[in-house]
N, C-alpha and C. Protein backbone atom coordinates (compact mmCIF):
# COMPACT_ATOMS: atom_id res chain seq x y z
N MET A 1 -16.00 -6.41 0.81
CA MET A 1 -14.85 -7.28 0.93
C MET A 1 -15.33 -8.67 1.31
N THR A 2 -15.20 -9.57 0.39
CA THR A 2 -15.73 -10.89 0.66
C THR A 2 -14.67 -11.96 0.77
N THR A 3 -13.49 -11.74 0.23
CA THR A 3 -12.45 -12.75 0.32
C THR A 3 -11.35 -12.30 1.26
N ALA A 4 -10.56 -13.26 1.70
CA ALA A 4 -9.46 -12.94 2.60
C ALA A 4 -8.44 -12.03 1.92
N THR A 5 -8.25 -12.19 0.62
CA THR A 5 -7.28 -11.39 -0.11
C THR A 5 -7.68 -9.92 -0.11
N THR A 6 -8.93 -9.62 -0.40
CA THR A 6 -9.35 -8.23 -0.45
C THR A 6 -9.49 -7.64 0.94
N ALA A 7 -9.68 -8.47 1.96
CA ALA A 7 -9.85 -7.97 3.31
C ALA A 7 -8.52 -7.76 4.03
N GLU A 8 -7.42 -8.22 3.43
CA GLU A 8 -6.13 -8.12 4.10
C GLU A 8 -5.65 -6.68 4.15
N LEU A 9 -5.43 -6.19 5.37
CA LEU A 9 -4.91 -4.85 5.57
C LEU A 9 -3.49 -4.95 6.11
N LEU A 10 -2.59 -4.19 5.51
CA LEU A 10 -1.18 -4.23 5.89
C LEU A 10 -0.80 -2.99 6.67
N THR A 11 0.15 -3.14 7.57
CA THR A 11 0.70 -1.99 8.27
C THR A 11 1.77 -1.34 7.40
N VAL A 12 2.17 -0.14 7.76
CA VAL A 12 3.23 0.54 7.02
C VAL A 12 4.52 -0.28 7.03
N PRO A 13 4.96 -0.84 8.17
CA PRO A 13 6.17 -1.67 8.14
C PRO A 13 6.05 -2.89 7.21
N GLU A 14 4.86 -3.48 7.14
CA GLU A 14 4.66 -4.62 6.23
C GLU A 14 4.79 -4.19 4.77
N VAL A 15 4.24 -3.02 4.45
CA VAL A 15 4.37 -2.49 3.09
C VAL A 15 5.82 -2.14 2.80
N MET A 16 6.51 -1.57 3.78
CA MET A 16 7.93 -1.27 3.61
C MET A 16 8.70 -2.53 3.24
N ALA A 17 8.42 -3.62 3.92
CA ALA A 17 9.12 -4.88 3.66
C ALA A 17 8.76 -5.43 2.28
N ARG A 18 7.48 -5.37 1.91
CA ARG A 18 7.06 -5.91 0.61
C ARG A 18 7.64 -5.12 -0.56
N LEU A 19 7.70 -3.80 -0.41
CA LEU A 19 8.18 -2.96 -1.51
C LEU A 19 9.67 -2.65 -1.39
N LYS A 20 10.28 -3.04 -0.29
CA LYS A 20 11.70 -2.75 -0.05
C LYS A 20 11.97 -1.24 -0.11
N LEU A 21 11.10 -0.49 0.58
CA LEU A 21 11.20 0.96 0.63
C LEU A 21 11.27 1.42 2.08
N GLY A 22 11.74 2.63 2.26
CA GLY A 22 11.81 3.21 3.59
C GLY A 22 10.47 3.76 4.05
N ARG A 23 10.39 4.02 5.33
CA ARG A 23 9.16 4.53 5.95
C ARG A 23 8.70 5.84 5.31
N SER A 24 9.60 6.80 5.16
CA SER A 24 9.20 8.10 4.61
C SER A 24 8.74 7.97 3.16
N THR A 25 9.33 7.06 2.40
CA THR A 25 8.91 6.86 1.01
C THR A 25 7.49 6.30 0.96
N VAL A 26 7.18 5.35 1.83
CA VAL A 26 5.83 4.78 1.87
C VAL A 26 4.82 5.87 2.25
N TYR A 27 5.16 6.69 3.25
CA TYR A 27 4.24 7.77 3.62
C TYR A 27 4.12 8.81 2.50
N ASP A 28 5.18 9.07 1.76
CA ASP A 28 5.10 9.97 0.60
C ASP A 28 4.15 9.41 -0.45
N LEU A 29 4.21 8.10 -0.70
CA LEU A 29 3.30 7.47 -1.66
C LEU A 29 1.86 7.59 -1.19
N ILE A 30 1.64 7.45 0.10
CA ILE A 30 0.29 7.60 0.66
C ILE A 30 -0.17 9.05 0.53
N ARG A 31 0.70 10.00 0.89
CA ARG A 31 0.34 11.42 0.81
C ARG A 31 0.02 11.85 -0.61
N SER A 32 0.77 11.32 -1.57
CA SER A 32 0.55 11.69 -2.98
C SER A 32 -0.59 10.90 -3.62
N ARG A 33 -1.20 10.02 -2.83
CA ARG A 33 -2.33 9.18 -3.27
C ARG A 33 -1.94 8.19 -4.36
N ARG A 34 -0.67 7.88 -4.46
CA ARG A 34 -0.22 6.83 -5.39
C ARG A 34 -0.43 5.46 -4.76
N LEU A 35 -0.56 5.44 -3.43
CA LEU A 35 -0.80 4.22 -2.68
C LEU A 35 -2.01 4.47 -1.79
N VAL A 36 -3.06 3.71 -2.01
CA VAL A 36 -4.31 3.89 -1.27
C VAL A 36 -4.15 3.38 0.15
N SER A 37 -4.72 4.11 1.09
CA SER A 37 -4.68 3.67 2.49
C SER A 37 -5.93 4.14 3.21
N ILE A 38 -6.16 3.54 4.37
CA ILE A 38 -7.27 3.96 5.23
C ILE A 38 -6.72 4.17 6.63
N THR A 39 -7.47 4.90 7.42
CA THR A 39 -7.10 5.10 8.81
C THR A 39 -8.09 4.35 9.69
N VAL A 40 -7.55 3.54 10.57
CA VAL A 40 -8.36 2.80 11.54
C VAL A 40 -7.91 3.29 12.91
N GLY A 41 -8.76 4.10 13.53
CA GLY A 41 -8.34 4.74 14.78
C GLY A 41 -7.21 5.70 14.47
N ARG A 42 -6.06 5.46 15.09
CA ARG A 42 -4.88 6.28 14.81
C ARG A 42 -3.89 5.55 13.92
N SER A 43 -4.27 4.39 13.43
CA SER A 43 -3.36 3.56 12.64
C SER A 43 -3.66 3.66 11.16
N ARG A 44 -2.62 3.68 10.37
CA ARG A 44 -2.73 3.71 8.91
C ARG A 44 -2.63 2.27 8.41
N ARG A 45 -3.57 1.87 7.55
CA ARG A 45 -3.57 0.53 6.98
C ARG A 45 -3.69 0.63 5.46
N ILE A 46 -2.99 -0.27 4.78
CA ILE A 46 -2.97 -0.29 3.32
C ILE A 46 -3.53 -1.63 2.87
N PRO A 47 -4.59 -1.62 2.06
CA PRO A 47 -5.12 -2.89 1.54
C PRO A 47 -4.07 -3.59 0.68
N ALA A 48 -3.97 -4.91 0.82
CA ALA A 48 -3.01 -5.68 0.02
C ALA A 48 -3.26 -5.46 -1.47
N ASP A 49 -4.52 -5.33 -1.86
CA ASP A 49 -4.85 -5.08 -3.27
C ASP A 49 -4.27 -3.76 -3.74
N ALA A 50 -4.20 -2.77 -2.86
CA ALA A 50 -3.64 -1.47 -3.23
C ALA A 50 -2.15 -1.58 -3.53
N VAL A 51 -1.47 -2.44 -2.80
CA VAL A 51 -0.04 -2.65 -3.04
C VAL A 51 0.14 -3.31 -4.41
N ARG A 52 -0.68 -4.33 -4.70
CA ARG A 52 -0.60 -5.00 -6.01
C ARG A 52 -0.92 -4.03 -7.14
N THR A 53 -1.94 -3.21 -6.95
CA THR A 53 -2.31 -2.22 -7.96
C THR A 53 -1.18 -1.23 -8.19
N PHE A 54 -0.56 -0.78 -7.12
CA PHE A 54 0.57 0.14 -7.22
C PHE A 54 1.71 -0.47 -8.03
N ILE A 55 2.04 -1.73 -7.72
CA ILE A 55 3.13 -2.40 -8.44
C ILE A 55 2.78 -2.55 -9.92
N GLU A 56 1.56 -2.97 -10.22
CA GLU A 56 1.13 -3.13 -11.62
C GLU A 56 1.21 -1.79 -12.36
N HIS A 57 0.74 -0.73 -11.72
CA HIS A 57 0.78 0.59 -12.36
C HIS A 57 2.22 1.03 -12.63
N GLU A 58 3.08 0.84 -11.65
CA GLU A 58 4.48 1.23 -11.83
C GLU A 58 5.15 0.43 -12.93
N MET A 59 4.79 -0.82 -13.08
CA MET A 59 5.35 -1.65 -14.14
C MET A 59 4.87 -1.18 -15.51
N GLU A 60 3.59 -0.77 -15.60
CA GLU A 60 3.05 -0.25 -16.86
C GLU A 60 3.76 1.04 -17.24
N VAL A 61 3.98 1.92 -16.27
CA VAL A 61 4.64 3.19 -16.53
C VAL A 61 6.09 2.96 -16.98
N ALA A 62 6.74 1.98 -16.37
CA ALA A 62 8.14 1.70 -16.70
C ALA A 62 8.31 1.05 -18.08
N ALA A 63 7.26 0.41 -18.56
CA ALA A 63 7.36 -0.32 -19.84
C ALA A 63 7.36 0.61 -21.04
């Protein structure tokens, strides 16, 4: 990770706000591996790039 964009890690509430989804839906996406995440200590973090990739993939599927 060399740039600020790729190094940006989001919390679940931040992802909820960006995707306009509920908490359980975000965790379901993480559990199903449709949304990549990492665990730091006891906290779940989602790379900003993973959110963009998720959105791009969903748009391709919808097209």
